[in-house]
């Protein structure tokens, strides 16, 4: 924040979250700044939603799937562009902001309008109140024990002490944050696009290597299998059931987890295209582990495969014996003598195999691939020595892609931290932006610190 100056004079606010504030600012309870309104709903009104990222907009502007649809819109209320919406259940997670649209919202939101529009710039308070949420101040007011049981209704919001600069200063702070956060958001979006491109490139490398091999000059032949296309002339083709000595589906009951358990449970959430992440795995005690491996122990170099849910189709290798067991929605493959575990694992992560499983998931609300489909996945079958070479190649390539992706993820995290810090500094008066003037934002311009 070194590029920004402080206000010339401060005084103690008496509030822990605010600390010292500019001497000409005042404090007001929210109920003296905003009134809650409950307007009638019009026929043309679409549903407005307060999202956790702070955007308040028509649901149709974001997505149309994944929402709970009300059969009867009991208690719905009219929303107008410029209203401040505070979500009672998700406000603690950041679902607070200024609506960019006319519409209607469910009674879970408090619709707030300024008591004196001449003195209140709503966008400033959208930034301020949401900042209190994402920095966990509001969560300290929670009445419930669990995060999802907390409520932040108008009765809680109305007694908050808010920092109130003069109206023209409120407007300047909001305009400053609109432009500066837009620059940061643009940089974040570029990093997110880079991550997607890296993932696409990694998948292309995997799919090419396991179906075309590593020698670009090798003669090719038609595999006779739609999913595999042309393959090297000296390669064969087979099915998963012939490439493995054992195919085991998980026990169909939820494990009894224990934080201090010795054994780790592999779930679909722990798999990502060849990588098994044990850092967030759930644990079980001895007796539950025995129940989970009653069909077969998980051994080193067995392949685990997710067959249900949003993360279906990901495979990984078990790194060691007698430490892991299958969670729900998981399968276990023991690799046969004609296959390299590394090669088969990467082959299962390829688009060529994924598309075979997609036939079972088309139109399904919860994706689910049948065991019989999985057993009959069509596979390439290179000579064993070539499989091992391809496996080593893909492990190294994937490691390099992961390094680049991790770097982009860390960059995003730093940008998000800067965004939060900048908003906090502006709405609490730690930086003085009264003389700030909007400038044209050029694509690719960085964010100064």
Protein backbone atom coordinates (compact mmCIF):
# COMPACT_ATOMS: atom_id res chain seq x y z
CA UNK A 1 0.00 0.00 0.00
CA UNK A 2 3.06 2.23 -0.14
CA UNK A 3 1.73 4.18 -3.13
CA UNK A 4 -1.20 5.51 -1.09
CA UNK A 5 -1.02 8.21 1.57
CA UNK A 6 -2.76 8.17 4.95
CA UNK A 7 -5.24 10.76 6.20
CA UNK A 8 -3.62 13.70 7.99
CA UNK A 9 -5.46 13.15 11.28
CA UNK A 10 -7.04 10.16 13.05
CA UNK A 11 -8.96 9.42 16.24
CA UNK A 12 -9.81 6.26 18.12
CA UNK A 13 -13.09 4.75 16.88
CA UNK A 14 -13.58 2.56 19.94
CA UNK A 15 -14.22 -0.40 17.61
CA UNK A 16 -11.80 -3.31 17.49
CA UNK A 17 -12.31 -4.01 13.78
CA UNK A 18 -11.88 -0.35 12.81
CA UNK A 19 -9.21 0.93 15.21
CA UNK A 20 -8.27 4.52 14.41
CA UNK A 21 -10.42 6.25 11.83
CA UNK A 22 -10.10 9.60 10.05
CA UNK A 23 -10.99 12.33 12.51
CA UNK A 24 -13.85 13.72 10.37
CA UNK A 25 -15.58 10.32 9.96
CA UNK A 26 -18.48 9.38 12.23
CA UNK A 27 -20.05 6.13 13.39
CA UNK A 28 -23.67 5.19 12.78
CA UNK A 29 -25.70 2.10 13.55
CA UNK A 30 -26.80 0.35 10.36
CA UNK A 31 -30.47 0.91 11.24
CA UNK A 32 -29.88 4.68 10.91
CA UNK A 33 -28.15 4.22 7.58
CA UNK A 34 -30.41 1.62 5.92
CA UNK A 35 -34.06 0.68 6.07
CA UNK A 36 -35.27 -2.77 5.21
CA UNK A 37 -37.96 -2.77 2.50
CA UNK A 38 -40.37 -5.47 1.34
CA UNK A 39 -41.71 -4.53 -2.07
CA UNK A 40 -44.41 -6.29 -4.03
CA UNK A 41 -43.20 -8.64 -6.77
CA UNK A 42 -44.01 -7.82 -10.40
CA UNK A 43 -44.81 -10.41 -13.06
CA UNK A 44 -41.72 -9.51 -15.08
CA UNK A 45 -39.31 -9.86 -12.16
CA UNK A 46 -36.59 -12.48 -12.49
CA UNK A 47 -34.85 -14.06 -9.51
CA UNK A 48 -31.96 -12.06 -8.06
CA UNK A 49 -29.34 -13.96 -6.04
CA UNK A 50 -26.62 -12.74 -3.67
CA UNK A 51 -23.53 -14.82 -4.49
CA UNK A 52 -20.66 -15.50 -2.10
CA UNK A 53 -18.22 -13.57 -4.27
CA UNK A 54 -20.21 -10.39 -3.59
CA UNK A 55 -22.03 -10.15 -6.90
CA UNK A 56 -25.77 -9.56 -6.62
CA UNK A 57 -27.42 -10.15 -9.95
CA UNK A 58 -30.14 -11.97 -11.81
CA UNK A 59 -29.64 -15.69 -11.45
CA UNK A 60 -29.85 -16.01 -15.24
CA UNK A 61 -26.76 -13.80 -15.56
CA UNK A 62 -24.62 -16.39 -13.79
CA UNK A 63 -26.06 -19.82 -14.44
CA UNK A 64 -29.42 -21.56 -14.57
CA UNK A 65 -28.47 -24.92 -13.05
CA UNK A 66 -27.54 -25.97 -9.54
CA UNK A 67 -30.16 -23.90 -7.72
CA UNK A 68 -33.03 -25.10 -5.58
CA UNK A 69 -36.20 -24.03 -7.35
CA UNK A 70 -39.13 -22.94 -5.19
CA UNK A 71 -42.46 -24.43 -6.23
CA UNK A 72 -44.21 -21.54 -4.50
CA UNK A 73 -42.37 -18.26 -4.13
CA UNK A 74 -43.65 -17.54 -0.64
CA UNK A 75 -42.30 -14.35 0.85
CA UNK A 76 -40.44 -13.23 -2.28
CA UNK A 77 -39.81 -9.49 -2.42
CA UNK A 78 -39.04 -6.94 -5.08
CA UNK A 79 -35.46 -5.85 -5.69
CA UNK A 80 -34.31 -2.72 -7.51
CA UNK A 81 -30.96 -1.94 -9.03
CA UNK A 82 -28.83 -0.24 -6.35
CA UNK A 83 -30.40 -2.05 -3.38
CA UNK A 84 -28.07 -3.53 -0.76
CA UNK A 85 -28.80 -7.23 -0.24
CA UNK A 86 -27.65 -9.15 2.82
CA UNK A 87 -28.03 -12.93 2.66
CA UNK A 88 -29.08 -14.32 6.05
CA UNK A 89 -27.42 -17.73 5.64
CA UNK A 90 -24.45 -16.97 3.36
CA UNK A 91 -23.72 -13.41 4.46
CA UNK A 92 -20.93 -14.71 6.70
CA UNK A 93 -19.28 -16.19 3.59
CA UNK A 94 -19.50 -12.94 1.60
CA UNK A 95 -23.01 -13.02 0.05
CA UNK A 96 -23.52 -9.28 0.56
CA UNK A 97 -23.56 -6.65 -2.14
CA UNK A 98 -25.37 -4.12 -4.30
CA UNK A 99 -27.81 -5.44 -6.89
CA UNK A 100 -27.02 -4.64 -10.50
CA UNK A 101 -30.53 -5.60 -11.61
CA UNK A 102 -34.23 -5.21 -10.92
CA UNK A 103 -35.96 -8.43 -9.93
CA UNK A 104 -37.12 -10.42 -6.91
CA UNK A 105 -35.39 -12.37 -4.18
CA UNK A 106 -36.31 -14.93 -1.55
CA UNK A 107 -36.99 -13.88 2.05
CA UNK A 108 -33.57 -15.25 3.04
CA UNK A 109 -32.20 -11.89 1.88
CA UNK A 110 -32.71 -8.54 3.57
CA UNK A 111 -33.33 -5.85 0.96
CA UNK A 112 -31.97 -2.55 2.25
CA UNK A 113 -32.24 1.03 0.96
CA UNK A 114 -30.55 4.16 2.32
CA UNK A 115 -32.42 6.22 4.88
CA UNK A 116 -31.08 9.36 3.23
CA UNK A 117 -30.01 8.84 -0.39
CA UNK A 118 -28.42 12.29 -0.44
CA UNK A 119 -25.98 11.28 2.29
CA UNK A 120 -25.49 7.57 1.56
CA UNK A 121 -23.57 6.03 -1.35
CA UNK A 122 -24.72 2.40 -1.31
CA UNK A 123 -21.73 0.95 -3.18
CA UNK A 124 -19.35 2.09 -0.42
CA UNK A 125 -21.40 0.25 2.19
CA UNK A 126 -21.56 -2.80 -0.05
CA UNK A 127 -17.76 -2.95 0.12
CA UNK A 128 -17.66 -2.15 3.85
CA UNK A 129 -20.25 -4.66 5.07
CA UNK A 130 -18.96 -7.46 2.86
CA UNK A 131 -15.43 -6.75 4.09
CA UNK A 132 -16.63 -7.29 7.65
CA UNK A 133 -17.98 -10.66 6.51
CA UNK A 134 -14.94 -11.98 4.65
CA UNK A 135 -12.57 -10.89 7.43
CA UNK A 136 -14.66 -12.93 9.92
CA UNK A 137 -15.85 -10.00 12.05
CA UNK A 138 -19.49 -10.75 11.33
CA UNK A 139 -19.02 -14.47 12.02
CA UNK A 140 -18.12 -13.54 15.60
CA UNK A 141 -21.72 -12.37 15.94
CA UNK A 142 -23.05 -15.80 14.94
CA UNK A 143 -25.74 -17.27 17.13
CA UNK A 144 -25.28 -20.81 15.84
CA UNK A 145 -22.50 -23.27 16.59
CA UNK A 146 -21.76 -24.45 13.05
CA UNK A 147 -20.96 -22.14 10.15
CA UNK A 148 -23.98 -23.21 8.12
CA UNK A 149 -26.32 -22.73 11.09
CA UNK A 150 -25.41 -19.08 11.59
CA UNK A 151 -27.81 -16.32 10.59
CA UNK A 152 -27.18 -12.71 9.71
CA UNK A 153 -30.63 -11.22 9.34
CA UNK A 154 -31.60 -7.57 9.38
CA UNK A 155 -31.91 -7.65 13.18
CA UNK A 156 -28.19 -8.49 13.41
CA UNK A 157 -27.21 -6.17 10.59
CA UNK A 158 -29.17 -3.22 12.00
CA UNK A 159 -27.07 -2.97 15.18
CA UNK A 160 -23.68 -2.95 13.42
CA UNK A 161 -21.62 0.18 13.85
CA UNK A 162 -20.59 1.47 10.43
CA UNK A 163 -17.89 3.98 9.51
CA UNK A 164 -19.54 6.94 7.78
CA UNK A 165 -17.38 9.31 5.71
CA UNK A 166 -18.98 12.28 3.93
CA UNK A 167 -21.09 11.21 0.94
CA UNK A 168 -18.69 12.51 -1.71
CA UNK A 169 -15.88 10.61 0.01
CA UNK A 170 -17.99 7.44 0.10
CA UNK A 171 -18.51 7.79 -3.66
CA UNK A 172 -14.81 8.31 -4.31
CA UNK A 173 -13.84 5.28 -2.21
CA UNK A 174 -16.36 3.12 -4.09
CA UNK A 175 -15.19 4.38 -7.50
CA UNK A 176 -11.55 3.83 -6.48
CA UNK A 177 -12.30 0.26 -5.39
CA UNK A 178 -14.38 -0.44 -8.50
CA UNK A 179 -11.42 0.39 -10.74
CA UNK A 180 -8.61 -1.08 -8.63
CA UNK A 181 -10.41 -4.35 -7.90
CA UNK A 182 -11.35 -4.63 -11.58
CA UNK A 183 -7.63 -4.50 -12.43
CA UNK A 184 -6.88 -7.19 -9.87
CA UNK A 185 -9.82 -9.30 -11.06
CA UNK A 186 -8.52 -9.08 -14.63
CA UNK A 187 -5.14 -10.40 -13.50
CA UNK A 188 -6.81 -13.20 -11.56
CA UNK A 189 -8.88 -14.13 -14.60
CA UNK A 190 -5.72 -14.35 -16.72
CA UNK A 191 -4.16 -16.73 -14.22
CA UNK A 192 -7.34 -18.81 -14.16
CA UNK A 193 -7.31 -19.01 -17.95
CA UNK A 194 -3.64 -20.03 -17.81
CA UNK A 195 -4.51 -22.85 -15.39
CA UNK A 196 -7.25 -24.11 -17.72
CA UNK A 197 -4.89 -23.99 -20.71
CA UNK A 198 -2.23 -25.91 -18.78
CA UNK A 199 -4.77 -28.55 -17.79
CA UNK A 200 -5.94 -28.88 -21.39
CA UNK A 201 -2.34 -29.18 -22.60
CA UNK A 202 -1.56 -31.81 -19.95
CA UNK A 203 -4.59 -33.85 -21.00
CA UNK A 204 -3.58 -33.58 -24.66
CA UNK A 205 -0.07 -34.81 -23.83
CA UNK A 206 -1.47 -37.74 -21.82
CA UNK A 207 -4.00 -38.79 -24.47
CA UNK A 208 -1.46 -38.56 -27.29
CA UNK A 209 1.24 -40.53 -25.49
CA UNK A 210 -1.01 -43.44 -24.47
CA UNK A 211 -2.56 -43.83 -27.93
CA UNK A 212 0.18 -42.69 -30.35
CA UNK A 213 3.37 -43.41 -28.41
CA UNK A 214 6.47 -41.23 -28.14
CA UNK A 215 8.01 -41.85 -31.59
CA UNK A 216 6.39 -39.51 -34.14
CA UNK A 217 7.83 -41.54 -37.03
CA UNK A 218 6.41 -44.93 -36.08
CA UNK A 219 4.04 -46.54 -38.64
CA UNK A 220 0.38 -46.37 -37.65
CA UNK A 221 -2.64 -48.62 -38.13
CA UNK A 222 -6.36 -48.40 -37.51
CA UNK A 223 -7.01 -49.93 -34.10
CA UNK A 224 -10.52 -50.93 -35.11
CA UNK A 225 -11.77 -49.24 -31.92
CA UNK A 226 -13.62 -45.95 -32.28
CA UNK A 227 -12.31 -44.60 -28.97
CA UNK A 228 -8.66 -45.27 -29.77
CA UNK A 229 -8.40 -44.37 -33.46
CA UNK A 230 -5.04 -44.95 -35.10
CA UNK A 231 -2.33 -46.54 -32.95
CA UNK A 232 1.26 -47.62 -33.66
CA UNK A 233 1.30 -50.65 -35.96
CA UNK A 234 3.08 -52.86 -33.42
CA UNK A 235 0.61 -52.11 -30.60
CA UNK A 236 -2.34 -54.26 -29.67
CA UNK A 237 -5.71 -53.50 -28.08
CA UNK A 238 -7.52 -55.09 -25.15
CA UNK A 239 -10.12 -54.48 -22.45
CA UNK A 240 -9.56 -53.39 -18.87
CA UNK A 241 -10.83 -56.74 -17.56
CA UNK A 242 -7.93 -58.46 -19.38
CA UNK A 243 -5.35 -55.85 -18.35
CA UNK A 244 -6.03 -56.44 -14.65
CA UNK A 245 -5.97 -59.44 -12.33
CA UNK A 246 -8.55 -57.91 -10.00
CA UNK A 247 -11.35 -55.32 -10.30
CA UNK A 248 -12.95 -54.44 -6.96
CA UNK A 249 -15.81 -52.06 -6.24
CA UNK A 250 -15.89 -50.29 -2.88
CA UNK A 251 -18.12 -51.42 0.00
CA UNK A 252 -21.43 -49.62 -0.42
CA UNK A 253 -21.67 -48.00 2.99
CA UNK A 254 -20.32 -44.77 4.39
CA UNK A 255 -17.09 -45.24 6.38
CA UNK A 256 -17.07 -44.38 10.08
CA UNK A 257 -14.36 -41.73 10.19
CA UNK A 258 -12.01 -40.94 13.06
CA UNK A 259 -9.70 -37.92 13.24
CA UNK A 260 -7.00 -39.91 15.00
CA UNK A 261 -7.37 -43.08 12.90
CA UNK A 262 -4.24 -44.75 11.57
CA UNK A 263 -5.59 -45.56 8.09
CA UNK A 264 -6.40 -43.19 5.23
CA UNK A 265 -9.58 -43.33 3.16
CA UNK A 266 -9.25 -42.58 -0.57
CA UNK A 267 -12.23 -40.60 -1.90
CA UNK A 268 -12.91 -39.06 -5.31
CA UNK A 269 -11.94 -35.67 -3.85
CA UNK A 270 -8.41 -36.98 -3.21
CA UNK A 271 -7.76 -37.82 -6.89
CA UNK A 272 -6.77 -35.51 -9.69
CA UNK A 273 -5.56 -36.95 -13.01
CA UNK A 274 -2.85 -39.25 -11.76
CA UNK A 275 -2.20 -37.58 -8.42
CA UNK A 276 -3.28 -38.94 -5.06
CA UNK A 277 -3.32 -36.18 -2.44
CA UNK A 278 -3.15 -37.56 1.09
CA UNK A 279 -2.98 -34.16 2.82
CA UNK A 280 -6.74 -33.89 3.35
CA UNK A 281 -7.74 -37.55 3.44
CA UNK A 282 -10.19 -38.72 6.10
CA UNK A 283 -9.05 -41.39 8.56
CA UNK A 284 -10.50 -44.56 10.08
CA UNK A 285 -9.63 -46.82 13.01
CA UNK A 286 -8.48 -50.45 12.74
CA UNK A 287 -11.94 -52.06 12.88
CA UNK A 288 -13.36 -49.78 10.18
CA UNK A 289 -10.27 -50.33 8.02
CA UNK A 290 -10.80 -54.10 8.21
CA UNK A 291 -14.41 -53.64 7.06
CA UNK A 292 -13.33 -51.41 4.19
CA UNK A 293 -10.72 -53.87 2.85
CA UNK A 294 -12.82 -57.02 3.33
CA UNK A 295 -13.02 -57.51 -0.44
CA UNK A 296 -9.31 -56.89 -1.06
CA UNK A 297 -6.37 -55.09 0.56
CA UNK A 298 -5.07 -52.03 -1.26
CA UNK A 299 -1.49 -52.79 -2.26
CA UNK A 300 1.32 -50.65 -3.56
CA UNK A 301 0.84 -49.89 -7.31
CA UNK A 302 -2.84 -50.84 -7.28
CA UNK A 303 -4.86 -48.28 -9.23
CA UNK A 304 -7.75 -46.45 -7.54
CA UNK A 305 -10.48 -45.02 -9.76
CA UNK A 306 -13.44 -42.74 -9.10
CA UNK A 307 -16.62 -43.91 -10.80
CA UNK A 308 -19.26 -41.52 -9.41
CA UNK A 309 -19.83 -37.84 -8.77
CA UNK A 310 -18.30 -34.73 -10.28
CA UNK A 311 -14.77 -36.16 -10.02
CA UNK A 312 -15.47 -39.48 -11.70
CA UNK A 313 -12.91 -40.77 -14.21
CA UNK A 314 -9.79 -39.81 -12.24
CA UNK A 315 -7.25 -42.54 -11.45
CA UNK A 316 -4.16 -42.72 -9.26
CA UNK A 317 -1.58 -45.19 -7.94
CA UNK A 318 -1.52 -46.45 -4.36
CA UNK A 319 1.94 -45.50 -3.02
CA UNK A 320 2.31 -48.12 -0.26
CA UNK A 321 0.68 -51.22 1.25
CA UNK A 322 -1.59 -51.53 4.30
CA UNK A 323 -2.25 -47.85 4.83
CA UNK A 324 -5.16 -47.00 2.56
CA UNK A 325 -8.72 -48.18 1.99
CA UNK A 326 -11.46 -47.25 -0.48
CA UNK A 327 -14.04 -44.62 0.32
CA UNK A 328 -17.42 -44.43 -1.36
CA UNK A 329 -17.66 -44.18 -5.16
CA UNK A 330 -14.21 -45.72 -5.61
CA UNK A 331 -12.85 -48.80 -7.38
CA UNK A 332 -9.58 -50.71 -7.18
CA UNK A 333 -7.67 -52.35 -10.03
CA UNK A 334 -4.75 -54.73 -9.60
CA UNK A 335 -2.60 -54.55 -12.70
CA UNK A 336 -1.91 -57.77 -14.63
CA UNK A 337 1.58 -58.95 -15.72
CA UNK A 338 1.25 -57.56 -19.25
CA UNK A 339 0.81 -53.97 -18.11
CA UNK A 340 2.87 -51.33 -16.36
CA UNK A 341 0.90 -49.79 -13.45
CA UNK A 342 2.09 -46.28 -14.40
CA UNK A 343 1.08 -46.66 -18.04
CA UNK A 344 -2.34 -48.13 -17.24
CA UNK A 345 -3.01 -45.39 -14.69
CA UNK A 346 -2.23 -42.67 -17.24
CA UNK A 347 -4.29 -44.47 -19.87
CA UNK A 348 -7.28 -44.47 -17.51
CA UNK A 349 -6.81 -40.70 -17.09
CA UNK A 350 -6.88 -40.07 -20.84
CA UNK A 351 -9.76 -38.55 -22.79
CA UNK A 352 -9.90 -41.74 -24.85
CA UNK A 353 -11.04 -43.74 -21.82
CA UNK A 354 -13.02 -40.93 -20.20
CA UNK A 355 -15.27 -40.63 -23.25
CA UNK A 356 -16.15 -44.32 -22.98
CA UNK A 357 -17.45 -43.77 -19.46
CA UNK A 358 -19.37 -40.68 -20.52
CA UNK A 359 -21.93 -42.87 -22.29
CA UNK A 360 -23.26 -43.86 -18.84
CA UNK A 361 -23.37 -40.31 -17.52
CA UNK A 362 -25.20 -38.43 -20.30
CA UNK A 363 -28.22 -36.64 -18.82
CA UNK A 364 -27.52 -37.92 -15.32
CA UNK A 365 -27.96 -35.50 -12.41
CA UNK A 366 -25.29 -37.37 -10.45
CA UNK A 367 -22.71 -38.92 -12.85
CA UNK A 368 -22.31 -42.67 -12.33
CA UNK A 369 -20.40 -45.17 -14.47
CA UNK A 370 -21.49 -48.80 -14.33
CA UNK A 371 -18.96 -51.40 -13.25
CA UNK A 372 -19.72 -53.43 -16.38
CA UNK A 373 -18.84 -50.42 -18.55
CA UNK A 374 -15.58 -49.91 -16.70
CA UNK A 375 -14.60 -53.58 -17.01
CA UNK A 376 -15.02 -53.31 -20.76
CA UNK A 377 -13.08 -50.08 -21.33
CA UNK A 378 -11.10 -50.44 -24.59
CA UNK A 379 -7.37 -49.95 -24.07
CA UNK A 380 -4.20 -49.73 -26.10
CA UNK A 381 -1.57 -52.39 -25.39
CA UNK A 382 2.01 -51.40 -26.28
CA UNK A 383 4.95 -53.70 -25.51
CA UNK A 384 5.70 -53.66 -21.78
CA UNK A 385 9.07 -51.91 -22.19
CA UNK A 386 7.37 -49.13 -24.15
CA UNK A 387 4.62 -48.83 -21.53
CA UNK A 388 7.24 -48.20 -18.86
CA UNK A 389 8.92 -45.57 -21.01
CA UNK A 390 5.61 -43.79 -21.61
CA UNK A 391 4.76 -43.98 -17.90
CA UNK A 392 8.06 -42.32 -16.94
CA UNK A 393 7.61 -39.68 -19.64
CA UNK A 394 4.11 -38.75 -18.48
CA UNK A 395 5.07 -38.68 -14.81
CA UNK A 396 7.81 -36.14 -15.59
CA UNK A 397 5.63 -34.09 -17.95
CA UNK A 398 2.80 -34.02 -15.42
CA UNK A 399 5.19 -32.88 -12.69
CA UNK A 400 6.24 -29.93 -14.84
CA UNK A 401 2.63 -29.00 -15.60
CA UNK A 402 1.81 -29.22 -11.90
CA UNK A 403 4.65 -26.84 -11.05
CA UNK A 404 3.30 -24.27 -13.50
CA UNK A 405 -0.25 -24.72 -12.23
CA UNK A 406 0.88 -24.40 -8.60
CA UNK A 407 2.72 -21.18 -9.47
CA UNK A 408 -0.46 -19.74 -11.03
CA UNK A 409 -2.55 -20.82 -8.02
CA UNK A 410 -0.13 -19.06 -5.67
CA UNK A 411 -0.26 -15.94 -7.83
CA UNK A 412 -4.06 -15.96 -7.59
CA UNK A 413 -3.86 -16.34 -3.82
CA UNK A 414 -1.52 -13.35 -3.55
CA UNK A 415 -3.77 -11.24 -5.78
CA UNK A 416 -6.82 -12.17 -3.71
CA UNK A 417 -4.98 -11.23 -0.53
CA UNK A 418 -4.04 -7.90 -2.06
CA UNK A 419 -7.64 -7.31 -3.13
CA UNK A 420 -8.90 -7.94 0.40
CA UNK A 421 -6.21 -5.75 1.94
CA UNK A 422 -6.92 -2.89 -0.49
CA UNK A 423 -10.65 -2.93 0.23
CA UNK A 424 -10.02 -3.07 3.97
CA UNK A 425 -7.60 -0.15 3.84
CA UNK A 426 -10.01 2.00 1.82
CA UNK A 427 -13.24 1.38 3.76
CA UNK A 428 -11.54 1.79 7.14
CA UNK A 429 -9.76 4.99 6.20
CA UNK A 430 -6.23 3.63 6.41
CA UNK A 431 -5.54 5.14 2.98
CA UNK A 432 -6.75 8.50 1.70
CA UNK A 433 -8.19 8.35 -1.82
CA UNK A 434 -10.02 11.68 -1.80
CA UNK A 435 -7.70 13.03 -4.50
CA UNK A 436 -7.85 9.85 -6.57
CA UNK A 437 -9.12 10.24 -10.11
CA UNK A 438 -10.29 7.53 -12.45
CA UNK A 439 -7.97 6.69 -15.34
CA UNK A 440 -8.49 4.56 -18.40
CA UNK A 441 -7.70 0.92 -17.62
CA UNK A 442 -5.44 -0.66 -20.21
CA UNK A 443 -5.47 -4.39 -20.77
CA UNK A 444 -2.53 -6.10 -19.15
CA UNK A 445 -1.73 -3.23 -16.76
CA UNK A 446 -0.29 -4.60 -13.52
CA UNK A 447 -1.28 -3.69 -9.99
CA UNK A 448 1.18 -1.60 -8.07
CA UNK A 449 1.93 -2.28 -4.44
